[in-house]
Amino acid sequence: MANKISIDDLAKTIESEVRNWTKDVVDDIDDIKKDITKNGVKRLRGSSPKRTGDYAKNWTSQKLKNGDQVIYQKSPTYRLTHVLEKGHAKRKGGRVAPKVHIAPVEEELVSNYISRVEKRLSQ
């Protein structure tokens, strides 16, 4: 049998249920962000160009104060991300071909995040 609620308590009950649902959704989305970030770091380490291996090892993630997760390249190899992804000029002329390794992972992570959040919100 359903709970009986007086008309006076209806607004409070609806508000409390919406707060509970919102808290559950926010917690689930935080878990999704953490999982996607961990997967992204693993994929970037695997797809990064390897010469000495230091560049690939320096991919890491961090949780920001506002709750967002960010994937970044630690020092001292953070300067190489743009150069490797976009290519660069050689010392004696010519160009070095770009080694695209960040963009495909980013696209996959974004689409995976969107699909998982949409799936969670449709429950």
Foldseek 3Di string as FASTA:
>chain_A
DDDDDDPVCPVVVVVVVVVVVVVVLVVVLLVLQVVLQVVLLVQQLVLPDDDPSLQSVQWDWDQDPVGHIDIAGDPPCRVCPCCQQCWDADPVGDIDDHRHRNVVSVVVSVVVSVVVSVVVVVD
